[in-house]
Amino acid sequence: MIRQPIRLLLLDDHVLFREGLRRLLVSEPDFETVAECGTLTDGLSVLSRSAIDIVLLDFDLEEDTGTRFITATTAQGYTGKFLMVTAGMSPLDIAVARKLGISGIFLKHSSPATLLEAIRAVAEGREWMDPKLNAPGADIRQDLTRRKEPLTPREQDVLRSVFEGLTNKEIAYKIGVSQSSVKATLQNLFEKTGVRTRGQLVRIAIEHSLESARK
């Protein structure tokens, strides 16, 4: 019986890394690189028209994150697997990604042979975590519960809108306030959550949705 190759999508915003990864995978007869891309939008487009077994997914995608991509693919109906291929992730990011159903994390400074091992493990249905990761469960729980001050209804609305990828102008129109009010609310969110960028707010939005789902 001829075994079908493992169909892969490479999603990483660094072109040189992507090309090097593709050359590595092409040399393996049990892998088929169906497509490679650098943005969330292009990745979703590939999944809508191609059968993919595993997405090799970077965590930091310019203004987007790998976890946001996973959430979007779930809404689109993708049922395959995700292997994070990343330079690094915080304990909070790891916890959120695992709750979203990733199959593993590979750190980019590990060897190519280790990556091939990780892909095959994930394809067989096993979880694969890079041995260099050190994220004790107690530390993760502490990070997930670090936000003590509750969010106001407006802050929750703005946070959801940031997660949806809306601009300040679009958020203002959606919730019926001025752009200056949106900026002020964003500043409050930055102060309450302790983050500095919209991308980090997206991670907080995912965490917030996970907490709500558990209630």
Protein backbone atom coordinates (compact mmCIF):
# COMPACT_ATOMS: atom_id res chain seq x y z
CA MET A 1 0.00 0.00 0.00
CA ILE A 2 1.44 3.37 -1.04
CA ARG A 3 1.45 5.86 1.80
CA GLN A 4 0.25 9.38 0.97
CA PRO A 5 2.76 12.16 1.73
CA ILE A 6 2.17 14.51 4.64
CA ARG A 7 0.72 17.70 3.12
CA LEU A 8 2.23 20.85 4.60
CA LEU A 9 1.55 24.58 4.59
CA LEU A 10 4.46 26.84 5.58
CA LEU A 11 3.33 30.11 7.15
CA ASP A 12 6.20 32.41 8.14
CA ASP A 13 6.76 36.07 7.34
CA HIS A 14 10.55 35.62 6.91
CA VAL A 15 11.09 34.73 3.25
CA LEU A 16 14.65 33.40 3.64
CA PHE A 17 13.66 31.09 6.47
CA ARG A 18 10.64 29.89 4.51
CA GLU A 19 12.73 29.11 1.44
CA GLY A 20 15.32 27.26 3.50
CA LEU A 21 12.58 25.23 5.19
CA ARG A 22 11.01 24.38 1.83
CA ARG A 23 14.37 23.11 0.49
CA LEU A 24 14.74 20.93 3.57
CA LEU A 25 11.27 19.44 3.20
CA VAL A 26 11.54 18.81 -0.54
CA SER A 27 14.38 16.38 0.17
CA GLU A 28 12.04 14.19 2.23
CA PRO A 29 9.84 11.84 0.14
CA ASP A 30 7.13 11.57 2.80
CA PHE A 31 6.47 15.34 2.78
CA GLU A 32 4.61 17.46 0.25
CA THR A 33 4.86 21.25 0.62
CA VAL A 34 1.52 22.30 -0.82
CA ALA A 35 2.09 26.04 -0.35
CA GLU A 36 4.09 28.66 1.50
CA CYS A 37 3.03 32.15 2.49
CA GLY A 38 3.79 35.00 4.85
CA THR A 39 0.44 36.45 5.93
CA LEU A 40 -2.67 35.33 7.76
CA THR A 41 -4.86 36.23 4.77
CA ASP A 42 -2.80 34.19 2.32
CA GLY A 43 -2.73 31.26 4.72
CA LEU A 44 -6.50 31.24 5.07
CA SER A 45 -6.83 31.39 1.28
CA VAL A 46 -4.62 28.31 0.91
CA LEU A 47 -6.63 26.36 3.48
CA SER A 48 -9.89 27.25 1.75
CA ARG A 49 -8.80 25.60 -1.51
CA SER A 50 -6.20 22.95 -0.57
CA ALA A 51 -6.08 19.87 1.64
CA ILE A 52 -3.46 20.43 4.35
CA ASP A 53 -2.49 17.94 7.06
CA ILE A 54 -0.16 20.17 9.10
CA VAL A 55 0.42 23.91 9.18
CA LEU A 56 4.00 24.83 10.12
CA LEU A 57 3.20 28.13 11.76
CA ASP A 58 5.40 30.95 13.03
CA PHE A 59 4.10 32.71 16.14
CA ASP A 60 4.99 36.30 15.23
CA LEU A 61 3.52 37.31 11.87
CA GLU A 62 4.24 41.06 11.68
CA GLU A 63 1.04 42.61 13.10
CA ASP A 64 -0.66 39.23 13.49
CA THR A 65 0.04 36.18 15.64
CA GLY A 66 -0.05 32.47 15.02
CA THR A 67 -2.72 32.02 17.67
CA ARG A 68 -4.98 34.48 15.89
CA PHE A 69 -4.49 32.48 12.69
CA ILE A 70 -5.50 29.28 14.49
CA THR A 71 -8.69 30.91 15.74
CA ALA A 72 -9.52 32.11 12.22
CA THR A 73 -8.92 28.67 10.68
CA THR A 74 -11.16 27.01 13.26
CA ALA A 75 -13.96 29.37 12.28
CA GLN A 76 -13.26 28.50 8.63
CA GLY A 77 -13.61 24.77 9.36
CA TYR A 78 -9.99 23.57 9.15
CA THR A 79 -9.51 20.33 11.10
CA GLY A 80 -5.81 19.64 10.51
CA LYS A 81 -2.89 20.06 12.87
CA PHE A 82 -0.60 22.94 13.84
CA LEU A 83 3.08 22.80 14.66
CA MET A 84 4.44 26.13 15.86
CA VAL A 85 7.89 26.79 14.32
CA THR A 86 9.08 29.85 16.19
CA ALA A 87 12.02 31.70 17.68
CA GLY A 88 10.33 31.67 21.06
CA MET A 89 7.08 32.08 22.99
CA SER A 90 6.23 33.32 26.46
CA PRO A 91 4.56 30.98 29.00
CA LEU A 92 1.29 32.84 28.42
CA ASP A 93 1.53 32.44 24.64
CA ILE A 94 2.34 28.74 25.03
CA ALA A 95 -0.64 28.22 27.33
CA VAL A 96 -3.04 29.99 24.97
CA ALA A 97 -1.70 28.11 21.92
CA ARG A 98 -2.09 24.75 23.64
CA LYS A 99 -5.65 25.57 24.67
CA LEU A 100 -6.35 26.39 21.03
CA GLY A 101 -5.27 22.87 20.11
CA ILE A 102 -1.76 23.05 18.68
CA SER A 103 0.08 19.73 18.37
CA GLY A 104 3.53 21.01 19.20
CA ILE A 105 6.17 23.73 19.34
CA PHE A 106 9.55 23.63 17.58
CA LEU A 107 12.16 26.29 18.36
CA LYS A 108 13.97 27.60 15.29
CA HIS A 109 17.44 27.29 16.78
CA SER A 110 17.02 23.50 17.07
CA SER A 111 18.40 21.20 14.37
CA PRO A 112 16.73 20.45 11.01
CA ALA A 113 16.72 16.75 11.89
CA THR A 114 14.76 17.56 15.04
CA LEU A 115 12.20 19.48 13.00
CA LEU A 116 11.67 16.49 10.70
CA GLU A 117 11.19 14.33 13.79
CA ALA A 118 8.66 16.81 15.18
CA ILE A 119 6.63 16.91 11.95
CA ARG A 120 6.44 13.14 11.76
CA ALA A 121 5.43 12.88 15.41
CA VAL A 122 2.61 15.38 14.90
CA ALA A 123 1.48 13.57 11.72
CA GLU A 124 1.18 10.37 13.77
CA GLY A 125 -1.10 12.13 16.24
CA ARG A 126 1.45 12.69 18.99
CA GLU A 127 2.15 15.99 20.76
CA TRP A 128 5.70 17.27 20.28
CA MET A 129 7.18 19.96 22.50
CA ASP A 130 10.72 21.22 21.96
CA PRO A 131 12.86 19.86 24.84
CA LYS A 132 14.40 23.33 25.29
CA LEU A 133 11.08 24.76 26.38
CA ASN A 134 10.78 25.35 30.09
CA ALA A 135 7.25 26.44 30.96
CA PRO A 136 6.14 24.93 34.31
CA GLY A 137 2.39 24.71 34.71
CA ALA A 138 2.43 26.82 37.88
CA ASP A 139 4.12 29.70 36.07
CA ILE A 140 1.65 29.48 33.20
CA ARG A 141 -1.33 29.62 35.53
CA GLN A 142 0.13 32.66 37.22
CA ASP A 143 0.49 34.48 33.88
CA LEU A 144 -3.02 33.57 32.79
CA THR A 145 -4.52 35.07 35.94
CA ARG A 146 -2.29 38.13 36.23
CA ARG A 147 -5.02 40.56 35.15
CA LYS A 148 -6.87 41.52 38.34
CA GLU A 149 -8.74 44.66 37.31
CA PRO A 150 -11.97 43.86 35.41
CA LEU A 151 -12.60 45.35 31.98
CA THR A 152 -15.47 47.75 31.43
CA PRO A 153 -18.09 46.90 28.78
CA ARG A 154 -16.53 49.46 26.40
CA GLU A 155 -13.06 48.04 26.96
CA GLN A 156 -14.41 44.58 26.19
CA ASP A 157 -16.01 45.89 22.98
CA VAL A 158 -12.77 47.53 21.87
CA LEU A 159 -10.73 44.45 22.78
CA ARG A 160 -13.01 42.23 20.69
CA SER A 161 -12.73 44.69 17.80
CA VAL A 162 -8.92 44.68 17.99
CA PHE A 163 -9.05 40.88 17.88
CA GLU A 164 -11.17 41.14 14.72
CA GLY A 165 -8.44 43.26 13.12
CA LEU A 166 -10.41 46.51 12.93
CA THR A 167 -8.71 49.91 12.72
CA ASN A 168 -9.43 52.68 15.23
CA LYS A 169 -11.75 54.32 12.69
CA GLU A 170 -13.64 51.07 12.10
CA ILE A 171 -13.92 50.42 15.84
CA ALA A 172 -15.30 53.93 16.39
CA TYR A 173 -17.96 53.38 13.72
CA LYS A 174 -18.83 49.90 15.01
CA ILE A 175 -19.44 50.88 18.64
CA GLY A 176 -20.67 54.43 17.97
CA VAL A 177 -17.98 56.56 19.59
CA SER A 178 -15.28 58.99 18.42
CA GLN A 179 -11.81 57.89 17.36
CA SER A 180 -10.33 59.83 20.27
CA SER A 181 -12.52 57.80 22.61
CA VAL A 182 -11.24 54.59 21.03
CA LYS A 183 -7.64 55.76 21.50
CA ALA A 184 -8.32 56.57 25.15
CA THR A 185 -9.90 53.15 25.69
CA LEU A 186 -6.93 51.45 24.03
CA GLN A 187 -4.59 53.32 26.36
CA ASN A 188 -6.63 52.09 29.32
CA LEU A 189 -6.36 48.53 27.97
CA PHE A 190 -2.60 48.84 27.60
CA GLU A 191 -2.32 50.02 31.21
CA LYS A 192 -4.68 47.37 32.63
CA THR A 193 -3.17 44.44 30.75
CA GLY A 194 0.46 45.53 30.93
CA VAL A 195 1.09 45.11 27.18
CA ARG A 196 2.42 47.63 24.68
CA THR A 197 1.21 46.64 21.19
CA ARG A 198 -2.03 45.74 19.42
CA GLY A 199 -0.59 42.32 18.64
CA GLN A 200 -0.15 41.65 22.35
CA LEU A 201 -3.71 42.85 22.94
CA VAL A 202 -4.86 40.18 20.48
CA ARG A 203 -3.30 37.56 22.74
CA ILE A 204 -5.13 39.04 25.72
CA ALA A 205 -8.37 38.91 23.70
CA ILE A 206 -7.83 35.20 23.03
CA GLU A 207 -7.13 34.61 26.72
CA HIS A 208 -10.27 36.56 27.63
CA SER A 209 -12.40 34.47 25.25
CA LEU A 210 -10.95 31.26 26.72
CA GLU A 211 -11.75 32.40 30.24
CA SER A 212 -15.32 33.27 29.19
CA ALA A 213 -15.76 29.88 27.53
CA ARG A 214 -14.80 28.12 30.77
CA LYS A 215 -17.46 29.95 32.78
